Amino acid sequence: MYRLVERGTVIAVPRQTGVEEGLRSLALVMGFALLTALGAQVRIPLPFTPVPLTLQTFFVLLSGLALGANLGATAQLVYLSLGVLGAPFFAGGALGLAYLLGPTGGYLVGFVASAWLVGRLARGIDVWSGRAPPTMLTILALGSVVVYLPGVFWLAWLTGKGPWPALLAGVLPFLPGDALKTVLAATLWLRLARRSSLGISA
């Protein structure tokens, strides 16, 4: 047991054991891996690029915010591992190592680094501060950049067309959608974090 002071009242709260904390972390990691897989099924192919529009990055960013750097990155590693091992978790129900080595492979690898970076930078932010919204948007924008970088380099190498065509095909068409996902993820997280700090159930 440990003591929690709330509004001047001392409340006894049971302390989680190591096993309970481990099971909770495992459940959260698996949950965000499955959410990322679910986001991959919302797939809109574009005729001028091999990279489709999906909702994956929305859940990648949220995994970093909700789980922190290490567990957020672990959730994305689990997502990739399950897809490579045969679960239909990639965009449109694709699976296997061949898909990871395809045109979108760089973006998928970038998911791991993005979740880690977002979790690291967002640690300790005062969600009630007036600077929290712009700070959160900046962090999530950086998380998106970390997805784009390996994605564009891998696409350029795979197609042999160079970085500029890869940028036109693999980044520019997705900027409006990613900006919207960034705003939605920041808004949702700040709302949930503020409710949690007040002890209000979601």
N, C-alpha and C. Protein backbone atom coordinates (compact mmCIF):
# COMPACT_ATOMS: atom_id res chain seq x y z
N MET A 1 0.84 -1.20 0.00
CA MET A 1 0.00 0.00 0.00
C MET A 1 0.88 1.25 0.00
N TYR A 2 0.39 2.32 -0.61
CA TYR A 2 1.05 3.60 -0.46
C TYR A 2 0.00 4.66 -0.25
N ARG A 3 0.43 5.85 0.20
CA ARG A 3 -0.49 6.91 0.61
C ARG A 3 -0.57 7.97 -0.47
N LEU A 4 -1.79 8.32 -0.82
CA LEU A 4 -2.04 9.36 -1.82
C LEU A 4 -2.87 10.45 -1.16
N VAL A 5 -2.39 11.67 -1.25
CA VAL A 5 -3.12 12.80 -0.69
C VAL A 5 -3.94 13.44 -1.80
N GLU A 6 -5.25 13.48 -1.63
CA GLU A 6 -6.15 14.05 -2.62
C GLU A 6 -7.10 15.02 -1.91
N ARG A 7 -6.95 16.32 -2.23
CA ARG A 7 -7.80 17.35 -1.63
C ARG A 7 -7.75 17.30 -0.11
N GLY A 8 -6.55 17.09 0.44
CA GLY A 8 -6.37 17.11 1.88
C GLY A 8 -6.70 15.81 2.57
N THR A 9 -7.16 14.80 1.82
CA THR A 9 -7.52 13.52 2.42
C THR A 9 -6.49 12.47 2.04
N VAL A 10 -6.04 11.70 3.02
CA VAL A 10 -5.07 10.64 2.76
C VAL A 10 -5.83 9.38 2.37
N ILE A 11 -5.51 8.86 1.21
CA ILE A 11 -6.20 7.68 0.71
C ILE A 11 -5.19 6.55 0.57
N ALA A 12 -5.54 5.37 1.00
CA ALA A 12 -4.67 4.20 0.84
C ALA A 12 -4.95 3.58 -0.52
N VAL A 13 -3.93 3.47 -1.35
CA VAL A 13 -4.08 2.92 -2.70
C VAL A 13 -3.17 1.71 -2.82
N PRO A 14 -3.69 0.58 -3.28
CA PRO A 14 -2.84 -0.61 -3.41
C PRO A 14 -1.75 -0.40 -4.46
N ARG A 15 -0.54 -0.75 -4.12
CA ARG A 15 0.58 -0.63 -5.04
C ARG A 15 0.59 -1.82 -5.99
N GLN A 16 0.81 -1.53 -7.29
CA GLN A 16 0.87 -2.63 -8.25
C GLN A 16 2.15 -3.44 -8.04
N THR A 17 2.02 -4.74 -8.12
CA THR A 17 3.19 -5.60 -8.05
C THR A 17 3.90 -5.58 -9.39
N GLY A 18 5.13 -6.14 -9.39
CA GLY A 18 5.89 -6.20 -10.63
C GLY A 18 5.18 -7.00 -11.69
N VAL A 19 4.52 -8.08 -11.28
CA VAL A 19 3.79 -8.92 -12.24
C VAL A 19 2.62 -8.16 -12.84
N GLU A 20 1.88 -7.46 -11.98
CA GLU A 20 0.74 -6.70 -12.47
C GLU A 20 1.17 -5.60 -13.44
N GLU A 21 2.25 -4.91 -13.09
CA GLU A 21 2.76 -3.86 -13.96
C GLU A 21 3.24 -4.43 -15.29
N GLY A 22 3.87 -5.59 -15.23
CA GLY A 22 4.33 -6.24 -16.45
C GLY A 22 3.19 -6.65 -17.35
N LEU A 23 2.14 -7.21 -16.74
CA LEU A 23 0.98 -7.62 -17.53
C LEU A 23 0.27 -6.41 -18.14
N ARG A 24 0.22 -5.33 -17.37
CA ARG A 24 -0.39 -4.10 -17.90
C ARG A 24 0.40 -3.57 -19.09
N SER A 25 1.72 -3.55 -18.96
CA SER A 25 2.57 -3.07 -20.05
C SER A 25 2.42 -3.95 -21.29
N LEU A 26 2.36 -5.26 -21.07
CA LEU A 26 2.19 -6.20 -22.19
C LEU A 26 0.87 -5.96 -22.90
N ALA A 27 -0.19 -5.75 -22.12
CA ALA A 27 -1.50 -5.51 -22.71
C ALA A 27 -1.51 -4.22 -23.53
N LEU A 28 -0.86 -3.18 -23.01
CA LEU A 28 -0.82 -1.91 -23.73
C LEU A 28 0.01 -2.03 -25.01
N VAL A 29 1.13 -2.72 -24.93
CA VAL A 29 1.97 -2.92 -26.11
C VAL A 29 1.20 -3.68 -27.19
N MET A 30 0.54 -4.77 -26.80
CA MET A 30 -0.23 -5.55 -27.77
C MET A 30 -1.40 -4.74 -28.31
N GLY A 31 -2.02 -3.96 -27.43
CA GLY A 31 -3.15 -3.15 -27.85
C GLY A 31 -2.76 -2.15 -28.93
N PHE A 32 -1.64 -1.47 -28.75
CA PHE A 32 -1.22 -0.49 -29.76
C PHE A 32 -0.67 -1.16 -31.01
N ALA A 33 -0.09 -2.35 -30.88
CA ALA A 33 0.32 -3.09 -32.07
C ALA A 33 -0.92 -3.44 -32.92
N LEU A 34 -1.98 -3.86 -32.24
CA LEU A 34 -3.22 -4.20 -32.96
C LEU A 34 -3.90 -2.96 -33.52
N LEU A 35 -3.84 -1.85 -32.81
CA LEU A 35 -4.41 -0.61 -33.33
C LEU A 35 -3.67 -0.15 -34.58
N THR A 36 -2.35 -0.29 -34.59
CA THR A 36 -1.58 0.06 -35.78
C THR A 36 -1.96 -0.85 -36.94
N ALA A 37 -2.14 -2.13 -36.64
CA ALA A 37 -2.58 -3.07 -37.68
C ALA A 37 -3.97 -2.69 -38.20
N LEU A 38 -4.85 -2.27 -37.30
CA LEU A 38 -6.18 -1.85 -37.72
C LEU A 38 -6.10 -0.61 -38.60
N GLY A 39 -5.23 0.34 -38.23
CA GLY A 39 -5.06 1.53 -39.04
C GLY A 39 -4.54 1.21 -40.43
N ALA A 40 -3.78 0.13 -40.56
CA ALA A 40 -3.25 -0.26 -41.87
C ALA A 40 -4.34 -0.75 -42.81
N GLN A 41 -5.45 -1.20 -42.25
CA GLN A 41 -6.54 -1.71 -43.10
C GLN A 41 -7.38 -0.59 -43.69
N VAL A 42 -7.25 0.61 -43.13
CA VAL A 42 -7.89 1.79 -43.73
C VAL A 42 -6.92 2.29 -44.80
N ARG A 43 -7.04 1.76 -45.98
CA ARG A 43 -6.04 1.95 -47.03
C ARG A 43 -6.67 2.58 -48.27
N ILE A 44 -6.08 3.70 -48.70
CA ILE A 44 -6.54 4.37 -49.91
C ILE A 44 -5.38 4.42 -50.89
N PRO A 45 -5.38 3.56 -51.94
CA PRO A 45 -4.28 3.59 -52.90
C PRO A 45 -4.34 4.85 -53.76
N LEU A 46 -3.17 5.35 -54.13
CA LEU A 46 -3.06 6.52 -55.00
C LEU A 46 -2.43 6.08 -56.31
N PRO A 47 -2.95 6.52 -57.45
CA PRO A 47 -2.48 6.01 -58.74
C PRO A 47 -1.06 6.42 -59.10
N PHE A 48 -0.54 7.47 -58.49
CA PHE A 48 0.76 8.01 -58.90
C PHE A 48 1.89 7.64 -57.94
N THR A 49 1.61 6.78 -56.95
CA THR A 49 2.64 6.39 -55.99
C THR A 49 2.36 4.99 -55.45
N PRO A 50 3.41 4.22 -55.16
CA PRO A 50 3.20 2.90 -54.55
C PRO A 50 2.89 2.96 -53.06
N VAL A 51 2.91 4.16 -52.49
CA VAL A 51 2.66 4.33 -51.05
C VAL A 51 1.20 4.72 -50.85
N PRO A 52 0.40 3.90 -50.15
CA PRO A 52 -1.01 4.23 -49.95
C PRO A 52 -1.23 5.14 -48.75
N LEU A 53 -2.38 5.77 -48.72
CA LEU A 53 -2.82 6.50 -47.53
C LEU A 53 -3.37 5.51 -46.52
N THR A 54 -2.94 5.60 -45.27
CA THR A 54 -3.47 4.75 -44.20
C THR A 54 -3.61 5.57 -42.93
N LEU A 55 -4.16 4.94 -41.90
CA LEU A 55 -4.26 5.57 -40.58
C LEU A 55 -3.17 5.12 -39.63
N GLN A 56 -2.19 4.39 -40.13
CA GLN A 56 -1.18 3.82 -39.24
C GLN A 56 -0.45 4.87 -38.41
N THR A 57 -0.03 5.95 -39.06
CA THR A 57 0.80 6.92 -38.33
C THR A 57 0.05 7.57 -37.17
N PHE A 58 -1.27 7.64 -37.27
CA PHE A 58 -2.06 8.18 -36.16
C PHE A 58 -1.82 7.35 -34.90
N PHE A 59 -1.84 6.03 -35.05
CA PHE A 59 -1.65 5.15 -33.89
C PHE A 59 -0.18 5.04 -33.51
N VAL A 60 0.72 5.22 -34.46
CA VAL A 60 2.15 5.24 -34.13
C VAL A 60 2.44 6.42 -33.20
N LEU A 61 1.93 7.59 -33.55
CA LEU A 61 2.15 8.77 -32.72
C LEU A 61 1.51 8.60 -31.34
N LEU A 62 0.30 8.06 -31.32
CA LEU A 62 -0.38 7.85 -30.04
C LEU A 62 0.36 6.83 -29.17
N SER A 63 0.96 5.82 -29.80
CA SER A 63 1.67 4.81 -29.01
C SER A 63 2.84 5.45 -28.27
N GLY A 64 3.54 6.38 -28.93
CA GLY A 64 4.63 7.06 -28.24
C GLY A 64 4.14 7.92 -27.10
N LEU A 65 3.02 8.62 -27.32
CA LEU A 65 2.47 9.48 -26.27
C LEU A 65 1.95 8.66 -25.09
N ALA A 66 1.22 7.60 -25.39
CA ALA A 66 0.56 6.84 -24.33
C ALA A 66 1.50 5.91 -23.58
N LEU A 67 2.47 5.33 -24.29
CA LEU A 67 3.31 4.31 -23.67
C LEU A 67 4.70 4.80 -23.30
N GLY A 68 5.10 5.93 -23.82
CA GLY A 68 6.46 6.38 -23.60
C GLY A 68 7.39 5.82 -24.66
N ALA A 69 8.65 6.22 -24.57
CA ALA A 69 9.61 5.91 -25.63
C ALA A 69 9.81 4.40 -25.82
N ASN A 70 10.16 3.70 -24.76
CA ASN A 70 10.54 2.29 -24.91
C ASN A 70 9.37 1.39 -25.24
N LEU A 71 8.27 1.54 -24.51
CA LEU A 71 7.12 0.69 -24.78
C LEU A 71 6.45 1.07 -26.10
N GLY A 72 6.45 2.36 -26.45
CA GLY A 72 5.89 2.76 -27.73
C GLY A 72 6.65 2.14 -28.88
N ALA A 73 7.99 2.19 -28.82
CA ALA A 73 8.80 1.56 -29.85
C ALA A 73 8.60 0.05 -29.86
N THR A 74 8.46 -0.54 -28.67
CA THR A 74 8.24 -1.99 -28.59
C THR A 74 6.93 -2.37 -29.26
N ALA A 75 5.88 -1.57 -29.07
CA ALA A 75 4.59 -1.85 -29.71
C ALA A 75 4.73 -1.89 -31.22
N GLN A 76 5.53 -0.97 -31.77
CA GLN A 76 5.71 -0.96 -33.22
C GLN A 76 6.59 -2.12 -33.69
N LEU A 77 7.56 -2.50 -32.87
CA LEU A 77 8.37 -3.68 -33.20
C LEU A 77 7.51 -4.94 -33.21
N VAL A 78 6.60 -5.04 -32.24
CA VAL A 78 5.69 -6.18 -32.19
C VAL A 78 4.80 -6.20 -33.43
N TYR A 79 4.29 -5.03 -33.80
CA TYR A 79 3.46 -4.91 -35.01
C TYR A 79 4.21 -5.42 -36.24
N LEU A 80 5.45 -4.95 -36.43
CA LEU A 80 6.23 -5.36 -37.59
C LEU A 80 6.55 -6.86 -37.53
N SER A 81 6.91 -7.34 -36.35
CA SER A 81 7.27 -8.75 -36.20
C SER A 81 6.11 -9.67 -36.53
N LEU A 82 4.92 -9.33 -36.04
CA LEU A 82 3.76 -10.15 -36.31
C LEU A 82 3.42 -10.13 -37.80
N GLY A 83 3.56 -8.97 -38.44
CA GLY A 83 3.31 -8.90 -39.88
C GLY A 83 4.29 -9.74 -40.66
N VAL A 84 5.56 -9.68 -40.30
CA VAL A 84 6.58 -10.47 -40.99
C VAL A 84 6.35 -11.96 -40.78
N LEU A 85 5.89 -12.33 -39.58
CA LEU A 85 5.68 -13.75 -39.26
C LEU A 85 4.40 -14.33 -39.85
N GLY A 86 3.59 -13.50 -40.49
CA GLY A 86 2.44 -14.06 -41.19
C GLY A 86 1.08 -13.52 -40.82
N ALA A 87 1.00 -12.63 -39.84
CA ALA A 87 -0.28 -12.02 -39.52
C ALA A 87 -0.60 -10.96 -40.59
N PRO A 88 -1.83 -10.89 -41.08
CA PRO A 88 -2.18 -9.93 -42.15
C PRO A 88 -2.32 -8.51 -41.62
N PHE A 89 -1.23 -7.97 -41.12
CA PHE A 89 -1.26 -6.71 -40.40
C PHE A 89 -0.81 -5.51 -41.22
N PHE A 90 -0.22 -5.75 -42.38
CA PHE A 90 0.23 -4.64 -43.18
C PHE A 90 -0.93 -4.09 -44.02
N ALA A 91 -0.68 -3.01 -44.73
CA ALA A 91 -1.77 -2.32 -45.45
C ALA A 91 -2.52 -3.27 -46.38
N GLY A 92 -3.84 -3.22 -46.28
CA GLY A 92 -4.68 -4.05 -47.13
C GLY A 92 -4.63 -5.53 -46.80
N GLY A 93 -4.15 -5.89 -45.60
CA GLY A 93 -4.08 -7.30 -45.22
C GLY A 93 -2.84 -8.00 -45.73
N ALA A 94 -1.85 -7.26 -46.21
CA ALA A 94 -0.61 -7.87 -46.68
C ALA A 94 0.19 -8.42 -45.50
N LEU A 95 1.10 -9.33 -45.81
CA LEU A 95 1.89 -9.96 -44.75
C LEU A 95 3.22 -10.44 -45.31
N GLY A 96 4.13 -10.80 -44.41
CA GLY A 96 5.38 -11.41 -44.80
C GLY A 96 6.53 -10.43 -44.97
N LEU A 97 7.74 -11.02 -45.03
CA LEU A 97 8.96 -10.23 -45.15
C LEU A 97 9.01 -9.49 -46.47
N ALA A 98 8.45 -10.08 -47.53
CA ALA A 98 8.50 -9.44 -48.85
C ALA A 98 7.84 -8.07 -48.82
N TYR A 99 6.75 -7.93 -48.06
CA TYR A 99 6.08 -6.63 -47.99
C TYR A 99 6.96 -5.62 -47.25
N LEU A 100 7.63 -6.07 -46.21
CA LEU A 100 8.50 -5.17 -45.45
C LEU A 100 9.67 -4.68 -46.32
N LEU A 101 10.08 -5.49 -47.29
CA LEU A 101 11.16 -5.12 -48.20
C LEU A 101 10.66 -4.39 -49.43
N GLY A 102 9.36 -4.13 -49.49
CA GLY A 102 8.77 -3.45 -50.62
C GLY A 102 8.87 -1.94 -50.51
N PRO A 103 8.12 -1.20 -51.36
CA PRO A 103 8.24 0.26 -51.42
C PRO A 103 7.95 0.99 -50.11
N THR A 104 7.11 0.41 -49.27
CA THR A 104 6.75 1.10 -48.02
C THR A 104 7.57 0.63 -46.82
N GLY A 105 8.56 -0.22 -47.06
CA GLY A 105 9.34 -0.79 -45.95
C GLY A 105 10.04 0.25 -45.10
N GLY A 106 10.56 1.30 -45.73
CA GLY A 106 11.25 2.33 -44.96
C GLY A 106 10.34 3.05 -44.00
N TYR A 107 9.10 3.30 -44.43
CA TYR A 107 8.14 3.96 -43.55
C TYR A 107 7.82 3.07 -42.35
N LEU A 108 7.66 1.78 -42.61
CA LEU A 108 7.31 0.85 -41.53
C LEU A 108 8.42 0.79 -40.48
N VAL A 109 9.67 0.76 -40.94
CA VAL A 109 10.79 0.77 -39.99
C VAL A 109 10.82 2.09 -39.23
N GLY A 110 10.45 3.17 -39.92
CA GLY A 110 10.40 4.48 -39.28
C GLY A 110 9.39 4.56 -38.16
N PHE A 111 8.39 3.68 -38.16
CA PHE A 111 7.38 3.68 -37.09
C PHE A 111 8.05 3.50 -35.73
N VAL A 112 9.04 2.62 -35.67
CA VAL A 112 9.69 2.30 -34.40
C VAL A 112 10.41 3.54 -33.86
N ALA A 113 11.20 4.18 -34.72
CA ALA A 113 11.94 5.37 -34.30
C ALA A 113 11.00 6.51 -33.96
N SER A 114 9.91 6.63 -34.70
CA SER A 114 8.95 7.71 -34.47
C SER A 114 8.29 7.57 -33.10
N ALA A 115 7.82 6.38 -32.78
CA ALA A 115 7.18 6.16 -31.48
C ALA A 115 8.15 6.43 -30.35
N TRP A 116 9.40 6.01 -30.53
CA TRP A 116 10.41 6.24 -29.48
C TRP A 116 10.65 7.74 -29.30
N LEU A 117 10.84 8.46 -30.40
CA LEU A 117 11.14 9.89 -30.31
C LEU A 117 9.99 10.67 -29.69
N VAL A 118 8.77 10.38 -30.11
CA VAL A 118 7.60 11.07 -29.56
C VAL A 118 7.49 10.81 -28.06
N GLY A 119 7.65 9.56 -27.66
CA GLY A 119 7.57 9.23 -26.24
C GLY A 119 8.65 9.91 -25.43
N ARG A 120 9.84 10.01 -26.01
CA ARG A 120 10.96 10.64 -25.31
C ARG A 120 10.74 12.15 -25.15
N LEU A 121 10.34 12.80 -26.23
CA LEU A 121 10.19 14.26 -26.19
C LEU A 121 8.97 14.70 -25.39
N ALA A 122 7.93 13.85 -25.36
CA ALA A 122 6.70 14.23 -24.68
C ALA A 122 6.74 13.97 -23.18
N ARG A 123 7.79 13.31 -22.72
CA ARG A 123 7.88 12.95 -21.30
C ARG A 123 7.95 14.21 -20.43
N GLY A 124 7.08 14.27 -19.44
CA GLY A 124 7.14 15.35 -18.47
C GLY A 124 6.48 16.65 -18.90
N ILE A 125 5.77 16.65 -20.03
CA ILE A 125 5.11 17.88 -20.47
C ILE A 125 3.94 18.19 -19.53
N ASP A 126 3.83 19.43 -19.12
CA ASP A 126 2.71 19.89 -18.31
C ASP A 126 1.51 20.11 -19.23
N VAL A 127 0.55 19.20 -19.16
CA VAL A 127 -0.58 19.26 -20.11
C VAL A 127 -1.49 20.45 -19.87
N TRP A 128 -1.36 21.10 -18.71
CA TRP A 128 -2.19 22.27 -18.41
C TRP A 128 -1.52 23.58 -18.84
N SER A 129 -0.28 23.50 -19.26
CA SER A 129 0.42 24.70 -19.69
C SER A 129 -0.15 25.21 -21.01
N GLY A 130 -0.14 26.53 -21.17
CA GLY A 130 -0.60 27.11 -22.42
C GLY A 130 0.29 26.75 -23.59
N ARG A 131 1.53 26.34 -23.28
CA ARG A 131 2.46 25.96 -24.34
C ARG A 131 2.34 24.49 -24.72
N ALA A 132 1.50 23.74 -24.00
CA ALA A 132 1.39 22.30 -24.28
C ALA A 132 0.89 22.00 -25.69
N PRO A 133 -0.19 22.65 -26.17
CA PRO A 133 -0.67 22.32 -27.53
C PRO A 133 0.38 22.55 -28.62
N PRO A 134 1.02 23.74 -28.71
CA PRO A 134 2.03 23.90 -29.76
C PRO A 134 3.23 22.99 -29.58
N THR A 135 3.61 22.74 -28.32
CA THR A 135 4.73 21.83 -28.08
C THR A 135 4.39 20.43 -28.56
N MET A 136 3.17 19.98 -28.25
CA MET A 136 2.75 18.65 -28.66
C MET A 136 2.69 18.54 -30.18
N LEU A 137 2.18 19.57 -30.85
CA LEU A 137 2.12 19.54 -32.31
C LEU A 137 3.52 19.46 -32.92
N THR A 138 4.46 20.19 -32.32
CA THR A 138 5.84 20.16 -32.82
C THR A 138 6.45 18.77 -32.65
N ILE A 139 6.22 18.16 -31.49
CA ILE A 139 6.76 16.82 -31.23
C ILE A 139 6.18 15.81 -32.21
N LEU A 140 4.88 15.88 -32.44
CA LEU A 140 4.25 14.92 -33.35
C LEU A 140 4.68 15.16 -34.79
N ALA A 141 4.91 16.42 -35.15
CA ALA A 141 5.42 16.72 -36.50
C ALA A 141 6.81 16.11 -36.68
N LEU A 142 7.65 16.21 -35.65
CA LEU A 142 8.96 15.57 -35.71
C LEU A 142 8.83 14.05 -35.82
N GLY A 143 7.84 13.50 -35.13
CA GLY A 143 7.60 12.06 -35.24
C GLY A 143 7.24 11.67 -36.66
N SER A 144 6.47 12.50 -37.35
CA SER A 144 6.12 12.22 -38.74
C SER A 144 7.35 12.31 -39.65
N VAL A 145 8.21 13.29 -39.38
CA VAL A 145 9.44 13.44 -40.17
C VAL A 145 10.31 12.19 -40.05
N VAL A 146 10.36 11.63 -38.84
CA VAL A 146 11.17 10.43 -38.61
C VAL A 146 10.60 9.23 -39.38
N VAL A 147 9.31 9.23 -39.64
CA VAL A 147 8.73 8.18 -40.50
C VAL A 147 9.12 8.43 -41.95
N TYR A 148 9.06 9.68 -42.37
CA TYR A 148 9.33 10.02 -43.77
C TYR A 148 10.78 9.75 -44.18
N LEU A 149 11.73 10.06 -43.31
CA LEU A 149 13.14 9.99 -43.70
C LEU A 149 13.56 8.61 -44.22
N PRO A 150 13.40 7.54 -43.43
CA PRO A 150 13.78 6.23 -43.97
C PRO A 150 12.87 5.80 -45.11
N GLY A 151 11.61 6.26 -45.06
CA GLY A 151 10.68 5.90 -46.14
C GLY A 151 11.13 6.43 -47.48
N VAL A 152 11.54 7.70 -47.52
CA VAL A 152 11.97 8.31 -48.78
C VAL A 152 13.29 7.73 -49.26
N PHE A 153 14.23 7.54 -48.34
CA PHE A 153 15.52 6.98 -48.74
C PHE A 153 15.37 5.56 -49.29
N TRP A 154 14.54 4.76 -48.64
CA TRP A 154 14.32 3.39 -49.11
C TRP A 154 13.59 3.39 -50.45
N LEU A 155 12.60 4.25 -50.60
CA LEU A 155 11.85 4.33 -51.85
C LEU A 155 12.76 4.78 -52.99
N ALA A 156 13.62 5.76 -52.73
CA ALA A 156 14.55 6.24 -53.75
C ALA A 156 15.52 5.14 -54.17
N TRP A 157 16.03 4.40 -53.19
CA TRP A 157 16.97 3.32 -53.51
C TRP A 157 16.28 2.20 -54.27
N LEU A 158 15.06 1.84 -53.84
CA LEU A 158 14.36 0.71 -54.44
C LEU A 158 13.94 1.00 -55.88
N THR A 159 13.49 2.21 -56.13
CA THR A 159 13.03 2.56 -57.47
C THR A 159 14.18 3.02 -58.38
N GLY A 160 15.28 3.45 -57.78
CA GLY A 160 16.41 3.92 -58.56
C GLY A 160 16.18 5.25 -59.24
N LYS A 161 15.17 6.00 -58.80
CA LYS A 161 14.82 7.27 -59.45
C LYS A 161 15.40 8.49 -58.74
N GLY A 162 16.05 8.29 -57.61
CA GLY A 162 16.63 9.42 -56.92
C GLY A 162 15.73 10.00 -55.86
N PRO A 163 16.27 10.89 -55.04
CA PRO A 163 15.51 11.42 -53.89
C PRO A 163 14.36 12.36 -54.27
N TRP A 164 14.51 13.17 -55.30
CA TRP A 164 13.45 14.12 -55.63
C TRP A 164 12.16 13.43 -56.09
N PRO A 165 12.21 12.48 -57.04
CA PRO A 165 10.98 11.74 -57.38
C PRO A 165 10.40 10.99 -56.19
N ALA A 166 11.29 10.46 -55.33
CA ALA A 166 10.80 9.76 -54.13
C ALA A 166 10.11 10.73 -53.19
N LEU A 167 10.62 11.94 -53.09
CA LEU A 167 9.99 12.96 -52.26
C LEU A 167 8.61 13.33 -52.81
N LEU A 168 8.52 13.48 -54.11
CA LEU A 168 7.25 13.83 -54.74
C LEU A 168 6.22 12.71 -54.58
N ALA A 169 6.68 11.47 -54.64
CA ALA A 169 5.76 10.34 -54.57
C ALA A 169 5.51 9.87 -53.14
N GLY A 170 6.49 10.10 -52.25
CA GLY A 170 6.39 9.49 -50.93
C GLY A 170 6.19 10.42 -49.77
N VAL A 171 6.17 11.75 -50.03
CA VAL A 171 5.98 12.70 -48.93
C VAL A 171 4.90 13.73 -49.25
N LEU A 172 5.07 14.46 -50.32
CA LEU A 172 4.19 15.60 -50.61
C LEU A 172 2.70 15.23 -50.65
N PRO A 173 2.30 14.10 -51.25
CA PRO A 173 0.87 13.78 -51.28
C PRO A 173 0.26 13.52 -49.90
N PHE A 174 1.13 13.23 -48.91
CA PHE A 174 0.63 12.79 -47.61
C PHE A 174 0.68 13.89 -46.54
N LEU A 175 1.25 15.04 -46.89
CA LEU A 175 1.39 16.10 -45.90
C LEU A 175 0.05 16.60 -45.34
N PRO A 176 -0.96 16.86 -46.18
CA PRO A 176 -2.25 17.33 -45.60
C PRO A 176 -2.87 16.31 -44.65
N GLY A 177 -2.87 15.03 -45.04
CA GLY A 177 -3.44 14.01 -44.18
C GLY A 177 -2.67 13.83 -42.89
N ASP A 178 -1.35 13.89 -42.98
CA ASP A 178 -0.54 13.74 -41.77
C ASP A 178 -0.69 14.95 -40.84
N ALA A 179 -0.87 16.13 -41.44
CA ALA A 179 -1.12 17.31 -40.60
C ALA A 179 -2.42 17.14 -39.82
N LEU A 180 -3.45 16.61 -40.48
CA LEU A 180 -4.72 16.37 -39.80
C LEU A 180 -4.57 15.33 -38.71
N LYS A 181 -3.85 14.24 -39.00
CA LYS A 181 -3.66 13.20 -37.99
C LYS A 181 -2.85 13.72 -36.80
N THR A 182 -1.91 14.61 -37.07
CA THR A 182 -1.12 15.20 -36.00
C THR A 182 -2.00 16.03 -35.07
N VAL A 183 -2.86 16.84 -35.65
CA VAL A 183 -3.76 17.68 -34.84
C VAL A 183 -4.72 16.80 -34.04
N LEU A 184 -5.27 15.78 -34.66
CA LEU A 184 -6.21 14.89 -33.97
C LEU A 184 -5.52 14.14 -32.83
N ALA A 185 -4.31 13.63 -33.07
CA ALA A 185 -3.59 12.90 -32.03
C ALA A 185 -3.24 13.81 -30.86
N ALA A 186 -2.79 15.03 -31.15
CA ALA A 186 -2.45 15.97 -30.08
C ALA A 186 -3.67 16.35 -29.27
N THR A 187 -4.77 16.62 -29.97
CA THR A 187 -6.01 17.01 -29.28
C THR A 187 -6.53 15.88 -28.40
N LEU A 188 -6.56 14.68 -28.95
CA LEU A 188 -7.06 13.53 -28.19
C LEU A 188 -6.19 13.26 -26.98
N TRP A 189 -4.88 13.30 -27.15
CA TRP A 189 -3.99 13.00 -26.04
C TRP A 189 -4.09 14.04 -24.94
N LEU A 190 -4.11 15.30 -25.31
CA LEU A 190 -4.19 16.35 -24.29
C LEU A 190 -5.50 16.24 -23.52
N ARG A 191 -6.58 15.94 -24.22
CA ARG A 191 -7.88 15.81 -23.55
C ARG A 191 -7.86 14.65 -22.56
N LEU A 192 -7.34 13.50 -23.01
CA LEU A 192 -7.29 12.33 -22.13
C LEU A 192 -6.33 12.54 -20.97
N ALA A 193 -5.19 13.18 -21.23
CA ALA A 193 -4.22 13.41 -20.17
C ALA A 193 -4.77 14.37 -19.12
N ARG A 194 -5.52 15.37 -19.56
CA ARG A 194 -6.09 16.32 -18.60
C ARG A 194 -7.20 15.67 -17.78
N ARG A 195 -8.00 14.84 -18.43
CA ARG A 195 -9.04 14.13 -17.68
C ARG A 195 -8.41 13.19 -16.66
N SER A 196 -7.33 12.54 -17.05
CA SER A 196 -6.66 11.61 -16.14
C SER A 196 -6.06 12.34 -14.95
N SER A 197 -5.51 13.54 -15.18
CA SER A 197 -4.89 14.28 -14.09
C SER A 197 -5.93 14.77 -13.09
N LEU A 198 -7.19 14.86 -13.52
CA LEU A 198 -8.26 15.25 -12.61
C LEU A 198 -8.92 14.05 -11.97
N GLY A 199 -8.47 12.86 -12.34
CA GLY A 199 -9.07 11.65 -11.78
C GLY A 199 -10.43 11.33 -12.38
N ILE A 200 -10.68 11.78 -13.62
CA ILE A 200 -11.97 11.53 -14.28
C ILE A 200 -11.82 10.34 -15.19
N SER A 201 -12.72 9.39 -15.11
CA SER A 201 -12.66 8.23 -15.97
C SER A 201 -13.02 8.64 -17.40
N ALA A 202 -12.30 8.03 -18.34
CA ALA A 202 -12.58 8.35 -19.74
C ALA A 202 -13.88 7.72 -20.19
